[in-house]
Amino acid sequence: MIVAPLECNNPSGEHLLIDTQHYELHFETNARVSIIQRNGTITELRNYMIRDADWTDVDPYERIAYSTHNGYIGVCAKTTETRA
């Protein structure tokens, strides 16, 4: 799980939340990207499905990159799956 403030140096403001859930049967991990509002409610933004046949779980710190620079939110999810 990743929790990061949306505004630099404002820990009491809104936060970006990225949490992951692994589905062993399908060799997939779902990464849910949300915003935690100041009042504690969660606004879901997007879900990313990361498919890797050789991983048991996705470490969000190694496989998911994010930025909250200049008021924009950017998220990238890396997969190592190769297709023949």
C-alpha atoms as a PDB file:
ATOM      1  CA  MET A   1       0.000   0.000   0.000  1.00  0.00           C
ATOM      2  CA  ILE A   2       1.205   3.478  -0.894  1.00  0.00           C
ATOM      3  CA  VAL A   3      -0.196   6.602   0.766  1.00  0.00           C
ATOM      4  CA  ALA A   4       1.254   9.951  -0.319  1.00  0.00           C
ATOM      5  CA  PRO A   5       0.092  13.550   0.169  1.00  0.00           C
ATOM      6  CA  LEU A   6      -1.259  15.184  -2.993  1.00  0.00           C
ATOM      7  CA  GLU A   7       0.282  18.520  -2.030  1.00  0.00           C
ATOM      8  CA  CYS A   8       3.934  18.714  -1.084  1.00  0.00           C
ATOM      9  CA  ASN A   9       4.468  19.629   2.585  1.00  0.00           C
ATOM     10  CA  ASN A  10       0.740  19.362   3.365  1.00  0.00           C
ATOM     11  CA  PRO A  11       0.253  16.147   5.393  1.00  0.00           C
ATOM     12  CA  SER A  12      -3.232  17.252   6.543  1.00  0.00           C
ATOM     13  CA  GLY A  13      -4.561  17.528   2.960  1.00  0.00           C
ATOM     14  CA  GLU A  14      -5.846  14.917   0.542  1.00  0.00           C
ATOM     15  CA  HIS A  15      -3.753  11.805  -0.137  1.00  0.00           C
ATOM     16  CA  LEU A  16      -3.138   9.450  -3.031  1.00  0.00           C
ATOM     17  CA  LEU A  17      -3.835   5.808  -2.107  1.00  0.00           C
ATOM     18  CA  ILE A  18      -2.524   2.876  -4.135  1.00  0.00           C
ATOM     19  CA  ASP A  19      -3.348  -0.554  -2.741  1.00  0.00           C
ATOM     20  CA  THR A  20      -2.891  -3.964  -4.309  1.00  0.00           C
ATOM     21  CA  GLN A  21      -4.719  -7.267  -4.133  1.00  0.00           C
ATOM     22  CA  HIS A  22      -3.297 -10.480  -5.585  1.00  0.00           C
ATOM     23  CA  TYR A  23      -5.403 -13.123  -7.353  1.00  0.00           C
ATOM     24  CA  GLU A  24      -3.320 -16.320  -7.313  1.00  0.00           C
ATOM     25  CA  LEU A  25      -5.639 -18.350  -9.501  1.00  0.00           C
ATOM     26  CA  HIS A  26      -5.244 -15.939 -12.422  1.00  0.00           C
ATOM     27  CA  PHE A  27      -1.640 -14.790 -11.736  1.00  0.00           C
ATOM     28  CA  GLU A  28      -2.877 -11.203 -11.560  1.00  0.00           C
ATOM     29  CA  THR A  29      -2.618  -8.319  -9.138  1.00  0.00           C
ATOM     30  CA  ASN A  30      -5.138  -5.495  -9.060  1.00  0.00           C
ATOM     31  CA  ALA A  31      -3.756  -2.044  -8.184  1.00  0.00           C
ATOM     32  CA  ARG A  32      -6.515   0.330  -7.066  1.00  0.00           C
ATOM     33  CA  VAL A  33      -5.736   4.055  -7.272  1.00  0.00           C
ATOM     34  CA  SER A  34      -7.859   6.358  -5.103  1.00  0.00           C
ATOM     35  CA  ILE A  35      -7.866   9.710  -3.336  1.00  0.00           C
ATOM     36  CA  ILE A  36      -8.425   9.918   0.398  1.00  0.00           C
ATOM     37  CA  GLN A  37     -10.409  13.112   0.952  1.00  0.00           C
ATOM     38  CA  ARG A  38      -9.803  15.362   3.980  1.00  0.00           C
ATOM     39  CA  ASN A  39     -12.989  14.009   5.604  1.00  0.00           C
ATOM     40  CA  GLY A  40     -11.759  10.408   5.241  1.00  0.00           C
ATOM     41  CA  THR A  41     -13.924   9.326   2.307  1.00  0.00           C
ATOM     42  CA  ILE A  42     -12.244   7.470  -0.545  1.00  0.00           C
ATOM     43  CA  THR A  43     -12.790   8.445  -4.172  1.00  0.00           C
ATOM     44  CA  GLU A  44     -11.755   5.634  -6.500  1.00  0.00           C
ATOM     45  CA  LEU A  45      -9.970   6.814  -9.644  1.00  0.00           C
ATOM     46  CA  ARG A  46      -8.789   3.768 -11.573  1.00  0.00           C
ATOM     47  CA  ASN A  47      -7.911   0.071 -11.362  1.00  0.00           C
ATOM     48  CA  TYR A  48      -4.883  -1.439 -13.052  1.00  0.00           C
ATOM     49  CA  MET A  49      -4.554  -5.185 -13.621  1.00  0.00           C
ATOM     50  CA  ILE A  50      -0.935  -6.332 -13.534  1.00  0.00           C
ATOM     51  CA  ARG A  51      -0.463  -9.776 -15.062  1.00  0.00           C
ATOM     52  CA  ASP A  52       2.659 -11.775 -14.262  1.00  0.00           C
ATOM     53  CA  ALA A  53       2.860 -15.539 -14.431  1.00  0.00           C
ATOM     54  CA  ASP A  54       6.110 -15.656 -12.441  1.00  0.00           C
ATOM     55  CA  TRP A  55       5.151 -13.455  -9.450  1.00  0.00           C
ATOM     56  CA  THR A  56       3.141 -14.336  -6.372  1.00  0.00           C
ATOM     57  CA  ASP A  57       2.486 -10.698  -5.512  1.00  0.00           C
ATOM     58  CA  VAL A  58       3.352  -7.226  -6.779  1.00  0.00           C
ATOM     59  CA  ASP A  59       5.463  -5.001  -4.565  1.00  0.00           C
ATOM     60  CA  PRO A  60       3.866  -1.583  -5.138  1.00  0.00           C
ATOM     61  CA  TYR A  61       7.130   0.204  -4.346  1.00  0.00           C
ATOM     62  CA  GLU A  62       8.972  -1.650  -7.116  1.00  0.00           C
ATOM     63  CA  ARG A  63       6.275  -2.065  -9.762  1.00  0.00           C
ATOM     64  CA  ILE A  64       4.088   1.042  -9.519  1.00  0.00           C
ATOM     65  CA  ALA A  65       5.314   4.581 -10.107  1.00  0.00           C
ATOM     66  CA  TYR A  66       3.313   7.702  -9.375  1.00  0.00           C
ATOM     67  CA  SER A  67       3.605  11.470  -9.475  1.00  0.00           C
ATOM     68  CA  THR A  68       1.476  14.255  -8.010  1.00  0.00           C
ATOM     69  CA  HIS A  69       3.541  17.081  -9.502  1.00  0.00           C
ATOM     70  CA  ASN A  70       1.900  20.379 -10.589  1.00  0.00           C
ATOM     71  CA  GLY A  71      -1.586  19.309  -9.518  1.00  0.00           C
ATOM     72  CA  TYR A  72      -1.723  16.273 -11.823  1.00  0.00           C
ATOM     73  CA  ILE A  73      -1.784  12.608 -10.824  1.00  0.00           C
ATOM     74  CA  GLY A  74       0.190  10.165 -12.944  1.00  0.00           C
ATOM     75  CA  VAL A  75       0.376   6.415 -12.322  1.00  0.00           C
ATOM     76  CA  CYS A  76       2.302   3.724 -14.221  1.00  0.00           C
ATOM     77  CA  ALA A  77       2.243  -0.015 -13.572  1.00  0.00           C
ATOM     78  CA  LYS A  78       5.086  -2.213 -14.826  1.00  0.00           C
ATOM     79  CA  THR A  79       4.622  -5.803 -15.888  1.00  0.00           C
ATOM     80  CA  THR A  80       7.310  -8.361 -16.697  1.00  0.00           C
ATOM     81  CA  GLU A  81       5.050 -10.680 -18.664  1.00  0.00           C
ATOM     82  CA  THR A  82       6.409 -11.728 -22.045  1.00  0.00           C
ATOM     83  CA  ARG A  83       4.241 -13.094 -24.809  1.00  0.00           C
ATOM     84  CA  ALA A  84       5.461 -15.387 -27.554  1.00  0.00           C
END
